[in-house]
Amino acid sequence: MKIALFGYGKMGKMIEQIARDRGHSIVAKIDDRSQDVDYTSMDVAIDFSTPEAAFDNITNCFKNNVPVISGTTGWLDRLDKAIKICEEHKSAFIYASNFSLGVNIFFELNKHLAKMMAELEQYKVSMEEIHHTQKLDAPSGTAITLAEGIIENTSNKDWKLNESGDKTISIKSIREGMVPGTHSISYESPVDTIEIKHEAHNREGFALGAVIASEWIQGKTGVFSMKDVLNLS
């Protein structure tokens, strides 16, 4: 499989290593919006670029019949428009806030637990996420996805950073050391606490998931998620 990398930072370099280890070739490394791009050379594009570049990167691929795997955050106000362009050009797309296989299983576990807790009003839900000090956005995209999963399945209405309230999920964001990413969800009552947690040991899981998604999307048309890749639907 011939892979183009849009964004060649830490994640792009790790994806490159894993892709080569799995027998794939990297045919382009696009880290500047002014670079010329040969879309005919690639079977799939993996986008971990910047919020400013992501929309153009992704939609230009669609217009050239190149499927896209994207994990870039900060541009999702234009996601619906990108999906429309994907469908118009009969291309293929997977966006995920986190491509880790374990995290995507955790997303589904979180929803299932939320459904079980929905009628138990004595339990108050809260969340904590810990990342390395270089991660400037807070809360993480993963934490927001987890909060949305709880809101969909309980009477909670929204989430707030470091702030609790009635029908509001409090998300505590911690930045320390070189932590790849830890997310925990707690349901606390006056008598006990139920907690689930996912702890990444390194960043390789994120990169591996993106490459596996790239392998899975070959020959497909449409908009998919990691639930489809992992057959969790």
C-alpha atoms as a PDB file:
ATOM      1  CA  MET A   1       0.000   0.000   0.000  1.00  0.00           C
ATOM      2  CA  LYS A   2       1.299   3.461  -0.933  1.00  0.00           C
ATOM      3  CA  ILE A   3       0.711   5.944   1.878  1.00  0.00           C
ATOM      4  CA  ALA A   4       0.942   9.747   1.822  1.00  0.00           C
ATOM      5  CA  LEU A   5       1.519  11.474   5.160  1.00  0.00           C
ATOM      6  CA  PHE A   6      -0.050  14.905   5.577  1.00  0.00           C
ATOM      7  CA  GLY A   7       1.757  16.245   8.625  1.00  0.00           C
ATOM      8  CA  TYR A   8       5.195  14.910   9.463  1.00  0.00           C
ATOM      9  CA  GLY A   9       5.543  15.640  13.157  1.00  0.00           C
ATOM     10  CA  LYS A  10       5.998  13.062  15.925  1.00  0.00           C
ATOM     11  CA  MET A  11       2.875  11.174  14.939  1.00  0.00           C
ATOM     12  CA  GLY A  12       3.713  11.236  11.241  1.00  0.00           C
ATOM     13  CA  LYS A  13       7.176   9.826  11.901  1.00  0.00           C
ATOM     14  CA  MET A  14       5.774   7.066  14.096  1.00  0.00           C
ATOM     15  CA  ILE A  15       3.154   6.168  11.474  1.00  0.00           C
ATOM     16  CA  GLU A  16       5.937   5.993   8.901  1.00  0.00           C
ATOM     17  CA  GLN A  17       7.910   3.510  11.014  1.00  0.00           C
ATOM     18  CA  ILE A  18       4.911   1.268  11.718  1.00  0.00           C
ATOM     19  CA  ALA A  19       3.703   1.396   8.102  1.00  0.00           C
ATOM     20  CA  ARG A  20       7.138   0.341   6.812  1.00  0.00           C
ATOM     21  CA  ASP A  21       7.286  -2.456   9.389  1.00  0.00           C
ATOM     22  CA  ARG A  22       3.942  -3.725   8.024  1.00  0.00           C
ATOM     23  CA  GLY A  23       5.262  -3.750   4.456  1.00  0.00           C
ATOM     24  CA  HIS A  24       3.849  -0.462   3.182  1.00  0.00           C
ATOM     25  CA  SER A  25       5.670   2.378   1.433  1.00  0.00           C
ATOM     26  CA  ILE A  26       5.562   6.105   2.158  1.00  0.00           C
ATOM     27  CA  VAL A  27       5.265   7.973  -1.135  1.00  0.00           C
ATOM     28  CA  ALA A  28       4.831  11.534   0.162  1.00  0.00           C
ATOM     29  CA  LYS A  29       5.475  13.574   3.304  1.00  0.00           C
ATOM     30  CA  ILE A  30       3.488  16.807   3.116  1.00  0.00           C
ATOM     31  CA  ASP A  31       4.365  19.234   5.893  1.00  0.00           C
ATOM     32  CA  ASP A  32       3.898  22.508   4.041  1.00  0.00           C
ATOM     33  CA  ARG A  33       0.720  23.681   2.313  1.00  0.00           C
ATOM     34  CA  SER A  34       2.782  25.071  -0.585  1.00  0.00           C
ATOM     35  CA  GLN A  35       4.261  21.668  -1.474  1.00  0.00           C
ATOM     36  CA  ASP A  36       3.269  20.087  -4.773  1.00  0.00           C
ATOM     37  CA  VAL A  37       1.226  16.917  -4.274  1.00  0.00           C
ATOM     38  CA  ASP A  38       1.087  13.998  -6.713  1.00  0.00           C
ATOM     39  CA  TYR A  39      -2.239  12.386  -5.820  1.00  0.00           C
ATOM     40  CA  THR A  40      -1.776   9.664  -8.452  1.00  0.00           C
ATOM     41  CA  SER A  41       1.114   8.192  -6.456  1.00  0.00           C
ATOM     42  CA  MET A  42      -0.912   7.320  -3.314  1.00  0.00           C
ATOM     43  CA  ASP A  43      -3.419   4.649  -2.322  1.00  0.00           C
ATOM     44  CA  VAL A  44      -4.409   6.405   0.903  1.00  0.00           C
ATOM     45  CA  ALA A  45      -3.644   9.615   2.811  1.00  0.00           C
ATOM     46  CA  ILE A  46      -3.119   9.784   6.570  1.00  0.00           C
ATOM     47  CA  ASP A  47      -3.680  13.291   7.906  1.00  0.00           C
ATOM     48  CA  PHE A  48      -2.170  14.370  11.227  1.00  0.00           C
ATOM     49  CA  SER A  49      -1.501  17.936  10.134  1.00  0.00           C
ATOM     50  CA  THR A  50      -2.758  21.214  11.648  1.00  0.00           C
ATOM     51  CA  PRO A  51      -6.272  22.628  12.101  1.00  0.00           C
ATOM     52  CA  GLU A  52      -5.490  25.272   9.472  1.00  0.00           C
ATOM     53  CA  ALA A  53      -4.365  22.756   6.837  1.00  0.00           C
ATOM     54  CA  ALA A  54      -6.579  19.742   7.561  1.00  0.00           C
ATOM     55  CA  PHE A  55      -9.729  20.700   5.636  1.00  0.00           C
ATOM     56  CA  ASP A  56      -7.879  21.490   2.401  1.00  0.00           C
ATOM     57  CA  ASN A  57      -5.639  18.430   2.757  1.00  0.00           C
ATOM     58  CA  ILE A  58      -8.604  16.129   3.232  1.00  0.00           C
ATOM     59  CA  THR A  59     -10.959  17.555   0.625  1.00  0.00           C
ATOM     60  CA  ASN A  60      -8.249  17.807  -2.057  1.00  0.00           C
ATOM     61  CA  CYS A  61      -7.648  14.086  -1.542  1.00  0.00           C
ATOM     62  CA  PHE A  62     -11.373  13.365  -1.954  1.00  0.00           C
ATOM     63  CA  LYS A  63     -11.435  15.361  -5.197  1.00  0.00           C
ATOM     64  CA  ASN A  64      -8.579  13.187  -6.466  1.00  0.00           C
ATOM     65  CA  ASN A  65     -10.203   9.891  -5.405  1.00  0.00           C
ATOM     66  CA  VAL A  66      -7.793   9.293  -2.513  1.00  0.00           C
ATOM     67  CA  PRO A  67      -9.307   7.874   0.720  1.00  0.00           C
ATOM     68  CA  VAL A  68      -8.360   9.694   3.918  1.00  0.00           C
ATOM     69  CA  ILE A  69      -7.648   8.689   7.510  1.00  0.00           C
ATOM     70  CA  SER A  70      -7.572  11.781   9.747  1.00  0.00           C
ATOM     71  CA  GLY A  71      -6.812  12.347  13.410  1.00  0.00           C
ATOM     72  CA  THR A  72      -6.302  16.116  13.256  1.00  0.00           C
ATOM     73  CA  THR A  73      -8.331  18.058  15.828  1.00  0.00           C
ATOM     74  CA  GLY A  74      -9.398  21.692  15.907  1.00  0.00           C
ATOM     75  CA  TRP A  75     -11.123  21.863  12.492  1.00  0.00           C
ATOM     76  CA  LEU A  76     -14.326  19.938  13.190  1.00  0.00           C
ATOM     77  CA  ASP A  77     -16.585  22.936  12.600  1.00  0.00           C
ATOM     78  CA  ARG A  78     -16.015  22.068   8.903  1.00  0.00           C
ATOM     79  CA  LEU A  79     -16.361  18.298   9.280  1.00  0.00           C
ATOM     80  CA  ASP A  80     -19.891  18.168   7.830  1.00  0.00           C
ATOM     81  CA  LYS A  81     -18.740  20.063   4.748  1.00  0.00           C
ATOM     82  CA  ALA A  82     -15.787  17.677   4.309  1.00  0.00           C
ATOM     83  CA  ILE A  83     -18.123  14.680   4.577  1.00  0.00           C
ATOM     84  CA  LYS A  84     -20.386  16.196   1.910  1.00  0.00           C
ATOM     85  CA  ILE A  85     -17.406  16.599  -0.444  1.00  0.00           C
ATOM     86  CA  CYS A  86     -16.352  13.005   0.286  1.00  0.00           C
ATOM     87  CA  GLU A  87     -19.813  11.753  -0.654  1.00  0.00           C
ATOM     88  CA  GLU A  88     -20.008  13.941  -3.779  1.00  0.00           C
ATOM     89  CA  HIS A  89     -16.751  12.460  -5.081  1.00  0.00           C
ATOM     90  CA  LYS A  90     -17.565   8.909  -3.927  1.00  0.00           C
ATOM     91  CA  SER A  91     -14.382   8.774  -1.884  1.00  0.00           C
ATOM     92  CA  ALA A  92     -13.787   7.229   1.564  1.00  0.00           C
ATOM     93  CA  PHE A  93     -13.105   8.788   4.968  1.00  0.00           C
ATOM     94  CA  ILE A  94     -12.436   7.861   8.570  1.00  0.00           C
ATOM     95  CA  TYR A  95     -12.070  10.560  11.230  1.00  0.00           C
ATOM     96  CA  ALA A  96     -11.286   9.648  14.829  1.00  0.00           C
ATOM     97  CA  SER A  97     -10.293  11.700  17.849  1.00  0.00           C
ATOM     98  CA  ASN A  98      -8.134   8.720  18.834  1.00  0.00           C
ATOM     99  CA  PHE A  99      -7.100   5.763  16.633  1.00  0.00           C
ATOM    100  CA  SER A 100      -5.837   3.556  19.457  1.00  0.00           C
ATOM    101  CA  LEU A 101      -7.569   0.175  19.283  1.00  0.00           C
ATOM    102  CA  GLY A 102      -7.777   0.051  23.081  1.00  0.00           C
ATOM    103  CA  VAL A 103      -9.266   3.543  23.323  1.00  0.00           C
ATOM    104  CA  ASN A 104     -11.949   2.705  20.766  1.00  0.00           C
ATOM    105  CA  ILE A 105     -12.917  -0.363  22.793  1.00  0.00           C
ATOM    106  CA  PHE A 106     -12.911   1.953  25.828  1.00  0.00           C
ATOM    107  CA  PHE A 107     -15.317   4.319  24.004  1.00  0.00           C
ATOM    108  CA  GLU A 108     -17.812   1.461  23.652  1.00  0.00           C
ATOM    109  CA  LEU A 109     -17.293   0.295  27.259  1.00  0.00           C
ATOM    110  CA  ASN A 110     -17.940   3.877  28.387  1.00  0.00           C
ATOM    111  CA  LYS A 111     -21.264   4.014  26.514  1.00  0.00           C
ATOM    112  CA  HIS A 112     -22.341   0.635  27.893  1.00  0.00           C
ATOM    113  CA  LEU A 113     -21.547   1.662  31.467  1.00  0.00           C
ATOM    114  CA  ALA A 114     -23.373   4.971  30.966  1.00  0.00           C
ATOM    115  CA  LYS A 115     -26.514   3.103  29.899  1.00  0.00           C
ATOM    116  CA  MET A 116     -26.291   0.951  33.037  1.00  0.00           C
ATOM    117  CA  MET A 117     -25.866   4.024  35.275  1.00  0.00           C
ATOM    118  CA  ALA A 118     -28.509   6.192  33.583  1.00  0.00           C
ATOM    119  CA  GLU A 119     -31.287   5.535  36.097  1.00  0.00           C
ATOM    120  CA  LEU A 120     -29.069   5.545  39.189  1.00  0.00           C
ATOM    121  CA  GLU A 121     -29.389   9.206  40.169  1.00  0.00           C
ATOM    122  CA  GLN A 122     -27.310   8.737  43.341  1.00  0.00           C
ATOM    123  CA  TYR A 123     -24.152   8.431  41.221  1.00  0.00           C
ATOM    124  CA  LYS A 124     -22.415  11.587  39.981  1.00  0.00           C
ATOM    125  CA  VAL A 125     -20.137  11.117  36.975  1.00  0.00           C
ATOM    126  CA  SER A 126     -16.825  12.915  36.502  1.00  0.00           C
ATOM    127  CA  MET A 127     -13.748  12.469  34.331  1.00  0.00           C
ATOM    128  CA  GLU A 128     -10.007  12.995  34.545  1.00  0.00           C
ATOM    129  CA  GLU A 129      -7.492  13.062  31.704  1.00  0.00           C
ATOM    130  CA  ILE A 130      -3.696  13.278  32.028  1.00  0.00           C
ATOM    131  CA  HIS A 131      -1.329  14.141  29.171  1.00  0.00           C
ATOM    132  CA  HIS A 132       2.237  15.315  28.631  1.00  0.00           C
ATOM    133  CA  THR A 133       3.048  18.995  29.125  1.00  0.00           C
ATOM    134  CA  GLN A 134       3.456  19.583  25.359  1.00  0.00           C
ATOM    135  CA  LYS A 135      -0.268  18.980  24.827  1.00  0.00           C
ATOM    136  CA  LEU A 136      -1.733  22.455  25.042  1.00  0.00           C
ATOM    137  CA  ASP A 137      -5.428  21.826  24.312  1.00  0.00           C
ATOM    138  CA  ALA A 138      -7.658  20.834  27.189  1.00  0.00           C
ATOM    139  CA  PRO A 139      -9.664  18.761  27.540  1.00  0.00           C
ATOM    140  CA  SER A 140      -8.358  16.225  25.047  1.00  0.00           C
ATOM    141  CA  GLY A 141     -10.397  15.210  22.021  1.00  0.00           C
ATOM    142  CA  THR A 142     -10.604  11.733  23.541  1.00  0.00           C
ATOM    143  CA  ALA A 143     -12.089  13.143  26.754  1.00  0.00           C
ATOM    144  CA  ILE A 144     -14.681  15.090  24.757  1.00  0.00           C
ATOM    145  CA  THR A 145     -15.648  11.937  22.829  1.00  0.00           C
ATOM    146  CA  LEU A 146     -16.033  10.075  26.130  1.00  0.00           C
ATOM    147  CA  ALA A 147     -18.181  12.884  27.554  1.00  0.00           C
ATOM    148  CA  GLU A 148     -20.381  12.867  24.437  1.00  0.00           C
ATOM    149  CA  GLY A 149     -20.838   9.110  24.854  1.00  0.00           C
ATOM    150  CA  ILE A 150     -22.080   9.653  28.411  1.00  0.00           C
ATOM    151  CA  ILE A 151     -24.381  12.531  27.416  1.00  0.00           C
ATOM    152  CA  GLU A 152     -25.958  10.393  24.664  1.00  0.00           C
ATOM    153  CA  ASN A 153     -26.886   7.694  27.175  1.00  0.00           C
ATOM    154  CA  THR A 154     -27.722   9.551  30.405  1.00  0.00           C
ATOM    155  CA  SER A 155     -29.602  12.649  31.515  1.00  0.00           C
ATOM    156  CA  ASN A 156     -26.382  14.696  31.630  1.00  0.00           C
ATOM    157  CA  LYS A 157     -26.656  17.753  29.382  1.00  0.00           C
ATOM    158  CA  ASP A 158     -23.083  18.946  28.858  1.00  0.00           C
ATOM    159  CA  TRP A 159     -19.480  18.880  30.091  1.00  0.00           C
ATOM    160  CA  LYS A 160     -17.295  21.599  31.577  1.00  0.00           C
ATOM    161  CA  LEU A 161     -13.583  21.863  32.255  1.00  0.00           C
ATOM    162  CA  ASN A 162     -12.792  21.756  35.973  1.00  0.00           C
ATOM    163  CA  GLU A 163     -16.335  22.744  36.860  1.00  0.00           C
ATOM    164  CA  SER A 164     -19.159  20.628  38.210  1.00  0.00           C
ATOM    165  CA  GLY A 165     -22.872  21.234  38.270  1.00  0.00           C
ATOM    166  CA  ASP A 166     -26.233  19.563  38.002  1.00  0.00           C
ATOM    167  CA  LYS A 167     -26.402  17.413  34.825  1.00  0.00           C
ATOM    168  CA  THR A 168     -22.868  18.560  33.957  1.00  0.00           C
ATOM    169  CA  ILE A 169     -19.858  16.267  33.579  1.00  0.00           C
ATOM    170  CA  SER A 170     -16.760  17.760  35.164  1.00  0.00           C
ATOM    171  CA  ILE A 171     -13.559  17.047  33.208  1.00  0.00           C
ATOM    172  CA  LYS A 172     -10.291  17.551  35.077  1.00  0.00           C
ATOM    173  CA  SER A 173      -7.294  18.047  32.764  1.00  0.00           C
ATOM    174  CA  ILE A 174      -3.778  17.476  34.085  1.00  0.00           C
ATOM    175  CA  ARG A 175      -0.546  18.150  32.186  1.00  0.00           C
ATOM    176  CA  GLU A 176       2.578  16.523  33.597  1.00  0.00           C
ATOM    177  CA  GLY A 177       5.803  14.847  32.500  1.00  0.00           C
ATOM    178  CA  MET A 178       5.714  12.728  29.348  1.00  0.00           C
ATOM    179  CA  VAL A 179       2.393  10.952  29.956  1.00  0.00           C
ATOM    180  CA  PRO A 180       1.078   9.635  26.570  1.00  0.00           C
ATOM    181  CA  GLY A 181      -2.532   9.725  27.732  1.00  0.00           C
ATOM    182  CA  THR A 182      -4.634   8.454  30.630  1.00  0.00           C
ATOM    183  CA  HIS A 183      -8.428   8.773  30.802  1.00  0.00           C
ATOM    184  CA  SER A 184     -10.580   7.731  33.743  1.00  0.00           C
ATOM    185  CA  ILE A 185     -14.332   7.974  34.324  1.00  0.00           C
ATOM    186  CA  SER A 186     -15.788   7.789  37.821  1.00  0.00           C
ATOM    187  CA  TYR A 187     -19.327   7.337  39.081  1.00  0.00           C
ATOM    188  CA  GLU A 188     -19.398   8.327  42.754  1.00  0.00           C
ATOM    189  CA  SER A 189     -22.190   7.882  45.270  1.00  0.00           C
ATOM    190  CA  PRO A 190     -22.260   8.455  49.031  1.00  0.00           C
ATOM    191  CA  VAL A 191     -21.431   4.764  49.555  1.00  0.00           C
ATOM    192  CA  ASP A 192     -19.063   3.743  46.749  1.00  0.00           C
ATOM    193  CA  THR A 193     -17.256   4.616  43.512  1.00  0.00           C
ATOM    194  CA  ILE A 194     -17.210   2.802  40.177  1.00  0.00           C
ATOM    195  CA  GLU A 195     -14.302   3.681  37.894  1.00  0.00           C
ATOM    196  CA  ILE A 196     -13.051   2.650  34.450  1.00  0.00           C
ATOM    197  CA  LYS A 197      -9.674   3.748  33.072  1.00  0.00           C
ATOM    198  CA  HIS A 198      -7.588   3.549  29.928  1.00  0.00           C
ATOM    199  CA  GLU A 199      -3.846   4.208  30.231  1.00  0.00           C
ATOM    200  CA  ALA A 200      -1.640   4.428  27.139  1.00  0.00           C
ATOM    201  CA  HIS A 201       1.903   3.175  27.717  1.00  0.00           C
ATOM    202  CA  ASN A 202       3.242   4.946  24.625  1.00  0.00           C
ATOM    203  CA  ARG A 203       2.068   6.648  21.431  1.00  0.00           C
ATOM    204  CA  GLU A 204       2.548   3.600  19.203  1.00  0.00           C
ATOM    205  CA  GLY A 205      -1.045   2.473  19.734  1.00  0.00           C
ATOM    206  CA  PHE A 206      -2.363   5.671  18.134  1.00  0.00           C
ATOM    207  CA  ALA A 207      -0.123   5.252  15.088  1.00  0.00           C
ATOM    208  CA  LEU A 208      -0.835   1.527  14.712  1.00  0.00           C
ATOM    209  CA  GLY A 209      -4.590   2.160  14.725  1.00  0.00           C
ATOM    210  CA  ALA A 210      -4.258   4.746  11.942  1.00  0.00           C
ATOM    211  CA  VAL A 211      -2.294   2.300   9.777  1.00  0.00           C
ATOM    212  CA  ILE A 212      -4.804  -0.502  10.429  1.00  0.00           C
ATOM    213  CA  ALA A 213      -7.624   1.885   9.461  1.00  0.00           C
ATOM    214  CA  SER A 214      -5.730   2.669   6.238  1.00  0.00           C
ATOM    215  CA  GLU A 215      -5.498  -1.027   5.430  1.00  0.00           C
ATOM    216  CA  TRP A 216      -9.196  -1.559   6.173  1.00  0.00           C
ATOM    217  CA  ILE A 217     -10.494   1.325   4.018  1.00  0.00           C
ATOM    218  CA  GLN A 218      -8.917   0.083   0.789  1.00  0.00           C
ATOM    219  CA  GLY A 219     -11.555  -0.483  -1.913  1.00  0.00           C
ATOM    220  CA  LYS A 220     -14.380   1.059   0.155  1.00  0.00           C
ATOM    221  CA  THR A 221     -16.577   4.075  -0.501  1.00  0.00           C
ATOM    222  CA  GLY A 222     -18.265   6.102   2.212  1.00  0.00           C
ATOM    223  CA  VAL A 223     -17.760   7.628   5.647  1.00  0.00           C
ATOM    224  CA  PHE A 224     -16.752   5.241   8.412  1.00  0.00           C
ATOM    225  CA  SER A 225     -15.505   5.164  11.998  1.00  0.00           C
ATOM    226  CA  MET A 226     -13.177   3.032  14.066  1.00  0.00           C
ATOM    227  CA  LYS A 227     -16.282   1.114  15.181  1.00  0.00           C
ATOM    228  CA  ASP A 228     -16.500  -0.171  11.622  1.00  0.00           C
ATOM    229  CA  VAL A 229     -12.786  -1.003  11.477  1.00  0.00           C
ATOM    230  CA  LEU A 230     -13.014  -2.990  14.725  1.00  0.00           C
ATOM    231  CA  ASN A 231     -16.422  -4.490  13.900  1.00  0.00           C
ATOM    232  CA  LEU A 232     -17.920  -2.933  17.028  1.00  0.00           C
ATOM    233  CA  SER A 233     -21.073  -1.629  15.318  1.00  0.00           C
END
